[in-house]
Amino acid sequence: MTDWAARIGWVVGLGLFVALVYWLMREGWKWRGTLQGDLPELPAAPEEPGEARLTMSGRYHGSTTAGQWLDRLVAHGLGTRSRVELTLTDAGIDVVRPGASDFFIPVGALREALLGKGIAGKVLTEGGLLVVTWAHGDRLIDSGFRSDTAAEHTAWVDAVNSMIKNSTSKNNTTEGAR
């Protein structure tokens, strides 16, 4: 014979334990966002960003502190994974995320693009992730993107790094002329 009272007690207890764990995880996520409250608002795309050089559809896997691929940033929705439409223009990278906050990475903030294999909570094969390093406020941020067509990653790395090099050489020329 089964002791239904004991079985129901265990099921209810287990359910409460699972609910407690999820609540603690949610509170931890909110606390991380509070600790990152010094991060300024994300820039919006300019009205005239210029002609699209490259576009990419895929997934946004999150952003971390540059060089620390486990230190996820959650402030301003940067920790929310989502679908993404990336557009590289003369003004920078427009990041459009359905169901999450869109943001824009100005060309002056771009520091590097490379092929990576992981970012907070997502590990892929070598070169399976496009990682863009950019400056925002006083922080350097790594943002991870994965294209629906992984072969696009190399073209993006080349185009972004070329754009950074051209921007840097223009700034050095302008400063030298002063």
N, C-alpha and C. Protein backbone atom coordinates (compact mmCIF):
# COMPACT_ATOMS: atom_id res chain seq x y z
N MET A 1 0.83 -1.18 0.00
CA MET A 1 0.00 0.00 0.00
C MET A 1 0.88 1.24 0.00
N THR A 2 0.50 2.24 -0.74
CA THR A 2 1.25 3.49 -0.85
C THR A 2 0.77 4.49 0.19
N ASP A 3 1.74 5.16 0.81
CA ASP A 3 1.43 6.22 1.77
C ASP A 3 1.30 7.54 0.99
N TRP A 4 0.06 7.87 0.59
CA TRP A 4 -0.19 9.04 -0.24
C TRP A 4 0.17 10.34 0.47
N ALA A 5 -0.04 10.44 1.73
CA ALA A 5 0.27 11.67 2.46
C ALA A 5 1.78 11.96 2.39
N ALA A 6 2.61 10.94 2.57
CA ALA A 6 4.05 11.13 2.51
C ALA A 6 4.49 11.49 1.09
N ARG A 7 3.92 10.82 0.10
CA ARG A 7 4.26 11.09 -1.29
C ARG A 7 3.88 12.52 -1.67
N ILE A 8 2.70 12.97 -1.31
CA ILE A 8 2.26 14.34 -1.61
C ILE A 8 3.16 15.34 -0.88
N GLY A 9 3.53 15.03 0.35
CA GLY A 9 4.43 15.91 1.10
C GLY A 9 5.77 16.07 0.41
N TRP A 10 6.34 14.95 -0.09
CA TRP A 10 7.62 15.02 -0.80
C TRP A 10 7.49 15.82 -2.11
N VAL A 11 6.42 15.63 -2.84
CA VAL A 11 6.22 16.35 -4.11
C VAL A 11 6.07 17.85 -3.84
N VAL A 12 5.28 18.22 -2.84
CA VAL A 12 5.11 19.63 -2.49
C VAL A 12 6.45 20.22 -2.02
N GLY A 13 7.17 19.48 -1.19
CA GLY A 13 8.48 19.95 -0.70
C GLY A 13 9.46 20.15 -1.84
N LEU A 14 9.51 19.20 -2.77
CA LEU A 14 10.38 19.32 -3.93
C LEU A 14 9.98 20.52 -4.79
N GLY A 15 8.69 20.70 -5.00
CA GLY A 15 8.19 21.85 -5.78
C GLY A 15 8.59 23.17 -5.13
N LEU A 16 8.47 23.26 -3.80
CA LEU A 16 8.88 24.47 -3.09
C LEU A 16 10.38 24.71 -3.20
N PHE A 17 11.16 23.64 -3.12
CA PHE A 17 12.61 23.76 -3.25
C PHE A 17 12.99 24.29 -4.64
N VAL A 18 12.38 23.76 -5.69
CA VAL A 18 12.65 24.20 -7.06
C VAL A 18 12.25 25.67 -7.21
N ALA A 19 11.10 26.05 -6.67
CA ALA A 19 10.65 27.44 -6.73
C ALA A 19 11.64 28.36 -6.01
N LEU A 20 12.15 27.92 -4.86
CA LEU A 20 13.13 28.71 -4.13
C LEU A 20 14.41 28.90 -4.94
N VAL A 21 14.88 27.85 -5.58
CA VAL A 21 16.10 27.94 -6.39
C VAL A 21 15.90 28.92 -7.54
N TYR A 22 14.77 28.84 -8.24
CA TYR A 22 14.50 29.77 -9.33
C TYR A 22 14.39 31.20 -8.82
N TRP A 23 13.77 31.40 -7.68
CA TRP A 23 13.65 32.75 -7.12
C TRP A 23 15.03 33.30 -6.78
N LEU A 24 15.90 32.47 -6.20
CA LEU A 24 17.26 32.91 -5.88
C LEU A 24 18.06 33.24 -7.14
N MET A 25 17.88 32.47 -8.19
CA MET A 25 18.56 32.76 -9.46
C MET A 25 18.09 34.10 -10.02
N ARG A 26 16.81 34.36 -9.95
CA ARG A 26 16.24 35.63 -10.44
C ARG A 26 16.78 36.80 -9.63
N GLU A 27 16.84 36.65 -8.32
CA GLU A 27 17.36 37.71 -7.47
C GLU A 27 18.85 37.95 -7.76
N GLY A 28 19.60 36.90 -8.03
CA GLY A 28 21.01 37.04 -8.38
C GLY A 28 21.19 37.81 -9.67
N TRP A 29 20.33 37.53 -10.65
CA TRP A 29 20.37 38.24 -11.94
C TRP A 29 20.08 39.72 -11.72
N LYS A 30 19.05 40.02 -10.92
CA LYS A 30 18.71 41.41 -10.64
C LYS A 30 19.84 42.10 -9.88
N TRP A 31 20.47 41.41 -8.94
CA TRP A 31 21.57 41.98 -8.17
C TRP A 31 22.75 42.31 -9.09
N ARG A 32 23.05 41.41 -10.03
CA ARG A 32 24.13 41.65 -10.98
C ARG A 32 23.83 42.92 -11.79
N GLY A 33 22.59 43.09 -12.20
CA GLY A 33 22.19 44.30 -12.92
C GLY A 33 22.36 45.55 -12.07
N THR A 34 22.07 45.46 -10.78
CA THR A 34 22.25 46.58 -9.87
C THR A 34 23.73 46.93 -9.73
N LEU A 35 24.58 45.92 -9.63
CA LEU A 35 26.02 46.16 -9.51
C LEU A 35 26.59 46.81 -10.78
N GLN A 36 25.96 46.56 -11.91
CA GLN A 36 26.43 47.12 -13.18
C GLN A 36 25.67 48.40 -13.54
N GLY A 37 25.04 49.02 -12.54
CA GLY A 37 24.24 50.22 -12.77
C GLY A 37 25.04 51.42 -13.24
N ASP A 38 26.36 51.39 -13.11
CA ASP A 38 27.19 52.50 -13.57
C ASP A 38 27.40 52.50 -15.08
N LEU A 39 26.95 51.45 -15.74
CA LEU A 39 27.07 51.36 -17.20
C LEU A 39 26.09 52.35 -17.83
N PRO A 40 26.57 53.27 -18.68
CA PRO A 40 25.67 54.25 -19.30
C PRO A 40 24.64 53.58 -20.23
N GLU A 41 23.61 54.34 -20.56
CA GLU A 41 22.61 53.85 -21.51
C GLU A 41 23.27 53.48 -22.82
N LEU A 42 22.75 52.46 -23.47
CA LEU A 42 23.31 52.03 -24.75
C LEU A 42 22.97 53.03 -25.84
N PRO A 43 23.92 53.29 -26.74
CA PRO A 43 23.65 54.24 -27.82
C PRO A 43 22.61 53.70 -28.81
N ALA A 44 21.83 54.62 -29.35
CA ALA A 44 20.85 54.27 -30.38
C ALA A 44 21.46 54.55 -31.74
N ALA A 45 20.94 53.92 -32.76
CA ALA A 45 21.45 54.10 -34.11
C ALA A 45 21.15 55.52 -34.59
N PRO A 46 22.10 56.13 -35.30
CA PRO A 46 21.84 57.47 -35.84
C PRO A 46 20.77 57.40 -36.93
N GLU A 47 20.16 58.53 -37.19
CA GLU A 47 19.11 58.57 -38.22
C GLU A 47 19.67 58.27 -39.60
N GLU A 48 20.89 58.71 -39.87
CA GLU A 48 21.54 58.46 -41.16
C GLU A 48 22.83 57.67 -40.92
N PRO A 49 22.74 56.35 -40.76
CA PRO A 49 23.94 55.57 -40.45
C PRO A 49 24.85 55.33 -41.65
N GLY A 50 24.39 55.64 -42.83
CA GLY A 50 25.19 55.39 -44.03
C GLY A 50 24.78 54.10 -44.70
N GLU A 51 25.49 53.79 -45.76
CA GLU A 51 25.18 52.61 -46.55
C GLU A 51 25.62 51.34 -45.82
N ALA A 52 24.80 50.29 -45.93
CA ALA A 52 25.12 49.01 -45.30
C ALA A 52 26.26 48.33 -46.05
N ARG A 53 27.34 48.02 -45.33
CA ARG A 53 28.46 47.30 -45.92
C ARG A 53 28.23 45.80 -45.85
N LEU A 54 27.78 45.34 -44.68
CA LEU A 54 27.52 43.91 -44.45
C LEU A 54 26.26 43.78 -43.60
N THR A 55 25.56 42.68 -43.79
CA THR A 55 24.43 42.36 -42.91
C THR A 55 24.58 40.90 -42.50
N MET A 56 24.00 40.59 -41.35
CA MET A 56 24.09 39.23 -40.84
C MET A 56 22.87 38.94 -39.98
N SER A 57 22.28 37.78 -40.18
CA SER A 57 21.21 37.29 -39.31
C SER A 57 21.78 36.17 -38.47
N GLY A 58 21.35 36.11 -37.23
CA GLY A 58 21.86 35.05 -36.37
C GLY A 58 21.36 35.18 -34.96
N ARG A 59 22.26 34.92 -34.00
CA ARG A 59 21.92 34.96 -32.58
C ARG A 59 22.90 35.86 -31.85
N TYR A 60 22.35 36.60 -30.90
CA TYR A 60 23.16 37.38 -29.98
C TYR A 60 23.29 36.53 -28.72
N HIS A 61 24.51 36.22 -28.31
CA HIS A 61 24.71 35.34 -27.16
C HIS A 61 25.04 36.07 -25.88
N GLY A 62 25.23 37.38 -25.94
CA GLY A 62 25.48 38.14 -24.72
C GLY A 62 26.73 38.96 -24.80
N SER A 63 26.95 39.73 -23.75
CA SER A 63 28.13 40.59 -23.65
C SER A 63 28.79 40.35 -22.30
N THR A 64 30.11 40.48 -22.31
CA THR A 64 30.89 40.30 -21.10
C THR A 64 31.91 41.43 -21.00
N THR A 65 32.53 41.53 -19.84
CA THR A 65 33.67 42.42 -19.70
C THR A 65 34.77 41.89 -20.61
N ALA A 66 35.40 42.76 -21.37
CA ALA A 66 36.40 42.33 -22.36
C ALA A 66 37.49 41.49 -21.71
N GLY A 67 37.77 40.36 -22.35
CA GLY A 67 38.82 39.47 -21.89
C GLY A 67 38.40 38.53 -20.77
N GLN A 68 37.22 38.71 -20.23
CA GLN A 68 36.73 37.85 -19.14
C GLN A 68 35.41 37.21 -19.60
N TRP A 69 35.52 36.15 -20.35
CA TRP A 69 34.36 35.59 -21.04
C TRP A 69 33.31 35.00 -20.12
N LEU A 70 33.53 34.95 -18.81
CA LEU A 70 32.51 34.46 -17.89
C LEU A 70 31.83 35.58 -17.10
N ASP A 71 32.31 36.82 -17.23
CA ASP A 71 31.75 37.95 -16.50
C ASP A 71 30.65 38.61 -17.32
N ARG A 72 29.47 38.01 -17.31
CA ARG A 72 28.35 38.47 -18.14
C ARG A 72 27.84 39.83 -17.68
N LEU A 73 27.56 40.69 -18.65
CA LEU A 73 26.93 41.97 -18.38
C LEU A 73 25.43 41.81 -18.58
N VAL A 74 24.63 42.25 -17.61
CA VAL A 74 23.18 42.12 -17.73
C VAL A 74 22.47 43.48 -17.75
N ALA A 75 23.17 44.55 -17.39
CA ALA A 75 22.56 45.88 -17.37
C ALA A 75 22.10 46.28 -18.77
N HIS A 76 20.99 46.98 -18.84
CA HIS A 76 20.41 47.50 -20.09
C HIS A 76 20.09 46.40 -21.10
N GLY A 77 19.85 45.19 -20.62
CA GLY A 77 19.45 44.10 -21.51
C GLY A 77 20.59 43.42 -22.23
N LEU A 78 21.84 43.75 -21.89
CA LEU A 78 22.98 43.13 -22.58
C LEU A 78 23.09 41.64 -22.29
N GLY A 79 22.47 41.15 -21.23
CA GLY A 79 22.54 39.74 -20.90
C GLY A 79 21.46 38.89 -21.53
N THR A 80 20.53 39.52 -22.23
CA THR A 80 19.41 38.81 -22.83
C THR A 80 19.78 38.22 -24.19
N ARG A 81 19.76 36.91 -24.27
CA ARG A 81 20.02 36.25 -25.55
C ARG A 81 18.82 36.43 -26.46
N SER A 82 19.10 36.54 -27.75
CA SER A 82 18.00 36.77 -28.69
C SER A 82 18.46 36.55 -30.12
N ARG A 83 17.51 36.57 -31.02
CA ARG A 83 17.82 36.63 -32.44
C ARG A 83 18.43 38.00 -32.68
N VAL A 84 19.19 38.14 -33.77
CA VAL A 84 19.82 39.43 -34.05
C VAL A 84 19.93 39.66 -35.55
N GLU A 85 19.83 40.91 -35.92
CA GLU A 85 20.13 41.37 -37.27
C GLU A 85 21.23 42.42 -37.12
N LEU A 86 22.43 42.09 -37.59
CA LEU A 86 23.55 43.02 -37.53
C LEU A 86 23.71 43.70 -38.87
N THR A 87 24.00 45.00 -38.81
CA THR A 87 24.28 45.75 -40.02
C THR A 87 25.52 46.58 -39.78
N LEU A 88 26.53 46.40 -40.61
CA LEU A 88 27.75 47.20 -40.53
C LEU A 88 27.61 48.35 -41.51
N THR A 89 27.68 49.57 -41.00
CA THR A 89 27.58 50.77 -41.83
C THR A 89 28.83 51.62 -41.60
N ASP A 90 28.92 52.73 -42.30
CA ASP A 90 30.05 53.65 -42.12
C ASP A 90 30.08 54.23 -40.72
N ALA A 91 28.93 54.27 -40.05
CA ALA A 91 28.84 54.85 -38.70
C ALA A 91 29.12 53.84 -37.60
N GLY A 92 29.03 52.55 -37.89
CA GLY A 92 29.27 51.53 -36.87
C GLY A 92 28.43 50.28 -37.11
N ILE A 93 28.12 49.59 -36.01
CA ILE A 93 27.35 48.34 -36.09
C ILE A 93 25.99 48.55 -35.44
N ASP A 94 24.94 48.33 -36.21
CA ASP A 94 23.57 48.42 -35.70
C ASP A 94 23.13 47.02 -35.29
N VAL A 95 22.77 46.87 -34.01
CA VAL A 95 22.38 45.57 -33.45
C VAL A 95 20.87 45.64 -33.19
N VAL A 96 20.10 44.95 -34.02
CA VAL A 96 18.64 44.93 -33.89
C VAL A 96 18.24 43.57 -33.35
N ARG A 97 17.59 43.59 -32.17
CA ARG A 97 17.22 42.33 -31.50
C ARG A 97 15.72 42.30 -31.26
N PRO A 98 14.97 41.52 -32.03
CA PRO A 98 13.53 41.39 -31.78
C PRO A 98 13.28 40.82 -30.39
N GLY A 99 12.46 41.48 -29.61
CA GLY A 99 12.13 41.01 -28.27
C GLY A 99 13.11 41.45 -27.21
N ALA A 100 14.14 42.21 -27.59
CA ALA A 100 15.14 42.71 -26.63
C ALA A 100 15.55 44.11 -27.08
N SER A 101 16.31 44.78 -26.24
CA SER A 101 16.74 46.16 -26.53
C SER A 101 17.75 46.19 -27.67
N ASP A 102 17.48 47.05 -28.66
CA ASP A 102 18.43 47.27 -29.74
C ASP A 102 19.52 48.21 -29.24
N PHE A 103 20.69 48.15 -29.86
CA PHE A 103 21.73 49.11 -29.54
C PHE A 103 22.62 49.31 -30.75
N PHE A 104 23.49 50.29 -30.64
CA PHE A 104 24.37 50.67 -31.75
C PHE A 104 25.79 50.78 -31.21
N ILE A 105 26.75 50.27 -31.96
CA ILE A 105 28.15 50.39 -31.58
C ILE A 105 28.81 51.35 -32.57
N PRO A 106 29.08 52.59 -32.14
CA PRO A 106 29.69 53.57 -33.05
C PRO A 106 31.08 53.14 -33.48
N VAL A 107 31.48 53.55 -34.67
CA VAL A 107 32.78 53.14 -35.21
C VAL A 107 33.91 53.60 -34.29
N GLY A 108 33.77 54.73 -33.64
CA GLY A 108 34.80 55.23 -32.73
C GLY A 108 34.96 54.38 -31.48
N ALA A 109 33.94 53.60 -31.15
CA ALA A 109 33.99 52.74 -29.96
C ALA A 109 34.54 51.36 -30.26
N LEU A 110 34.57 50.98 -31.53
CA LEU A 110 35.05 49.65 -31.90
C LEU A 110 36.54 49.51 -31.61
N ARG A 111 36.92 48.38 -31.04
CA ARG A 111 38.33 48.13 -30.73
C ARG A 111 38.90 46.94 -31.48
N GLU A 112 38.09 45.89 -31.67
CA GLU A 112 38.60 44.68 -32.32
C GLU A 112 37.44 43.75 -32.63
N ALA A 113 37.63 42.95 -33.65
CA ALA A 113 36.71 41.86 -33.95
C ALA A 113 37.56 40.61 -34.14
N LEU A 114 37.09 39.50 -33.61
CA LEU A 114 37.84 38.26 -33.73
C LEU A 114 36.90 37.07 -33.72
N LEU A 115 37.44 35.93 -34.09
CA LEU A 115 36.68 34.69 -34.04
C LEU A 115 36.97 34.03 -32.71
N GLY A 116 35.94 33.74 -31.95
CA GLY A 116 36.11 33.11 -30.65
C GLY A 116 35.39 31.79 -30.59
N LYS A 117 35.51 31.16 -29.44
CA LYS A 117 34.81 29.88 -29.28
C LYS A 117 33.86 29.89 -28.10
N GLY A 118 33.81 30.99 -27.36
CA GLY A 118 32.90 30.98 -26.23
C GLY A 118 32.69 32.35 -25.62
N ILE A 119 31.56 32.48 -24.97
CA ILE A 119 31.20 33.67 -24.20
C ILE A 119 30.21 33.19 -23.15
N ALA A 120 30.15 33.83 -22.02
CA ALA A 120 29.34 33.44 -20.86
C ALA A 120 28.17 32.52 -21.19
N GLY A 121 28.30 31.26 -20.85
CA GLY A 121 27.22 30.31 -21.01
C GLY A 121 27.10 29.68 -22.39
N LYS A 122 27.99 30.01 -23.32
CA LYS A 122 27.91 29.45 -24.67
C LYS A 122 29.30 29.10 -25.16
N VAL A 123 29.55 27.83 -25.38
CA VAL A 123 30.84 27.38 -25.90
C VAL A 123 30.59 26.67 -27.23
N LEU A 124 31.34 27.07 -28.23
CA LEU A 124 31.20 26.52 -29.58
C LEU A 124 32.55 26.01 -30.06
N THR A 125 32.59 25.53 -31.28
CA THR A 125 33.86 25.13 -31.86
C THR A 125 34.70 26.37 -32.15
N GLU A 126 35.98 26.20 -32.32
CA GLU A 126 36.88 27.32 -32.61
C GLU A 126 36.38 28.08 -33.82
N GLY A 127 36.25 29.40 -33.69
CA GLY A 127 35.79 30.24 -34.79
C GLY A 127 34.28 30.26 -34.96
N GLY A 128 33.55 29.67 -34.05
CA GLY A 128 32.09 29.60 -34.18
C GLY A 128 31.36 30.83 -33.67
N LEU A 129 32.10 31.81 -33.17
CA LEU A 129 31.48 32.99 -32.57
C LEU A 129 32.20 34.24 -33.04
N LEU A 130 31.45 35.23 -33.50
CA LEU A 130 32.01 36.54 -33.83
C LEU A 130 32.00 37.36 -32.55
N VAL A 131 33.18 37.76 -32.09
CA VAL A 131 33.30 38.54 -30.86
C VAL A 131 33.77 39.94 -31.24
N VAL A 132 32.96 40.93 -30.90
CA VAL A 132 33.28 42.33 -31.18
C VAL A 132 33.60 43.01 -29.85
N THR A 133 34.80 43.58 -29.76
CA THR A 133 35.22 44.32 -28.57
C THR A 133 34.98 45.80 -28.84
N TRP A 134 34.32 46.46 -27.88
CA TRP A 134 33.99 47.87 -28.04
C TRP A 134 34.01 48.58 -26.69
N ALA A 135 34.20 49.89 -26.74
CA ALA A 135 34.26 50.70 -25.53
C ALA A 135 32.90 51.33 -25.29
N HIS A 136 32.47 51.28 -24.03
CA HIS A 136 31.21 51.93 -23.65
C HIS A 136 31.40 52.51 -22.26
N GLY A 137 31.34 53.83 -22.18
CA GLY A 137 31.66 54.46 -20.91
C GLY A 137 33.14 54.22 -20.63
N ASP A 138 33.44 53.76 -19.44
CA ASP A 138 34.84 53.47 -19.10
C ASP A 138 35.14 51.97 -19.15
N ARG A 139 34.28 51.20 -19.82
CA ARG A 139 34.47 49.74 -19.91
C ARG A 139 34.72 49.30 -21.34
N LEU A 140 35.49 48.21 -21.44
CA LEU A 140 35.61 47.51 -22.71
C LEU A 140 34.69 46.30 -22.62
N ILE A 141 33.90 46.09 -23.66
CA ILE A 141 32.88 45.05 -23.68
C ILE A 141 33.13 44.12 -24.86
N ASP A 142 32.99 42.82 -24.62
CA ASP A 142 32.98 41.82 -25.69
C ASP A 142 31.54 41.39 -25.91
N SER A 143 31.06 41.51 -27.14
CA SER A 143 29.71 41.04 -27.48
C SER A 143 29.84 39.88 -28.45
N GLY A 144 29.10 38.80 -28.19
CA GLY A 144 29.21 37.59 -28.99
C GLY A 144 28.01 37.39 -29.90
N PHE A 145 28.28 37.14 -31.17
CA PHE A 145 27.25 36.91 -32.18
C PHE A 145 27.58 35.64 -32.94
N ARG A 146 26.54 34.92 -33.33
CA ARG A 146 26.72 33.73 -34.16
C ARG A 146 25.79 33.86 -35.36
N SER A 147 26.38 33.83 -36.52
CA SER A 147 25.62 33.94 -37.76
C SER A 147 24.90 32.64 -38.07
N ASP A 148 23.78 32.75 -38.78
CA ASP A 148 23.10 31.56 -39.26
C ASP A 148 24.00 30.81 -40.26
N THR A 149 24.90 31.55 -40.89
CA THR A 149 25.87 30.99 -41.82
C THR A 149 27.26 31.31 -41.28
N ALA A 150 27.90 30.34 -40.64
CA ALA A 150 29.17 30.59 -39.95
C ALA A 150 30.27 31.10 -40.87
N ALA A 151 30.16 30.86 -42.16
CA ALA A 151 31.18 31.32 -43.10
C ALA A 151 31.23 32.85 -43.16
N GLU A 152 30.19 33.54 -42.72
CA GLU A 152 30.16 35.00 -42.73
C GLU A 152 31.08 35.62 -41.69
N HIS A 153 31.43 34.88 -40.67
CA HIS A 153 32.21 35.43 -39.56
C HIS A 153 33.53 36.05 -40.02
N THR A 154 34.24 35.36 -40.89
CA THR A 154 35.55 35.86 -41.34
C THR A 154 35.41 37.19 -42.08
N ALA A 155 34.40 37.32 -42.92
CA ALA A 155 34.18 38.58 -43.64
C ALA A 155 33.89 39.71 -42.65
N TRP A 156 33.14 39.42 -41.61
CA TRP A 156 32.84 40.42 -40.59
C TRP A 156 34.10 40.83 -39.83
N VAL A 157 34.91 39.87 -39.45
CA VAL A 157 36.15 40.19 -38.73
C VAL A 157 37.02 41.09 -39.60
N ASP A 158 37.19 40.73 -40.87
CA ASP A 158 38.03 41.53 -41.76
C ASP A 158 37.46 42.93 -41.95
N ALA A 159 36.15 43.04 -42.18
CA ALA A 159 35.54 44.35 -42.41
C ALA A 159 35.60 45.24 -41.18
N VAL A 160 35.29 44.70 -40.01
CA VAL A 160 35.31 45.51 -38.78
C VAL A 160 36.74 45.95 -38.46
N ASN A 161 37.71 45.04 -38.54
CA ASN A 161 39.10 45.41 -38.24
C ASN A 161 39.64 46.42 -39.24
N SER A 162 39.24 46.30 -40.50
CA SER A 162 39.63 47.28 -41.51
C SER A 162 39.02 48.64 -41.19
N MET A 163 37.78 48.64 -40.78
CA MET A 163 37.09 49.88 -40.42
C MET A 163 37.79 50.55 -39.23
N ILE A 164 38.18 49.76 -38.25
CA ILE A 164 38.87 50.29 -37.06
C ILE A 164 40.22 50.89 -37.48
N LYS A 165 40.95 50.17 -38.33
CA LYS A 165 42.26 50.64 -38.79
C LYS A 165 42.11 51.96 -39.54
N ASN A 166 41.13 52.04 -40.44
CA ASN A 166 40.91 53.27 -41.20
C ASN A 166 40.50 54.42 -40.29
N SER A 167 39.65 54.15 -39.32
CA SER A 167 39.20 55.17 -38.38
C SER A 167 40.36 55.68 -37.54
N THR A 168 41.22 54.77 -37.10
CA THR A 168 42.37 55.14 -36.28
C THR A 168 43.36 55.97 -37.08
N SER A 169 43.62 55.58 -38.33
CA SER A 169 44.57 56.33 -39.14
C SER A 169 44.03 57.72 -39.49
N LYS A 170 42.72 57.85 -39.70
CA LYS A 170 42.11 59.18 -39.94
C LYS A 170 42.25 60.05 -38.71
N ASN A 171 42.00 59.49 -37.52
CA ASN A 171 42.13 60.26 -36.29
C ASN A 171 43.56 60.69 -36.06
N ASN A 172 44.53 59.82 -36.33
CA ASN A 172 45.94 60.18 -36.16
C ASN A 172 46.36 61.26 -37.14
N THR A 173 45.86 61.21 -38.38
CA THR A 173 46.15 62.22 -39.37
C THR A 173 45.56 63.56 -38.97
N THR A 174 44.33 63.54 -38.47
CA THR A 174 43.65 64.76 -38.04
C THR A 174 44.37 65.38 -36.85
N GLU A 175 44.79 64.57 -35.90
CA GLU A 175 45.49 65.09 -34.72
C GLU A 175 46.86 65.63 -35.10
N GLY A 176 47.53 64.99 -36.06
CA GLY A 176 48.85 65.45 -36.49
C GLY A 176 48.78 66.77 -37.23
N ALA A 177 47.65 67.05 -37.89
CA ALA A 177 47.48 68.30 -38.63
C ALA A 177 47.22 69.49 -37.71
N ARG A 178 46.86 69.24 -36.48
CA ARG A 178 46.54 70.33 -35.54
C ARG A 178 47.78 70.96 -35.08
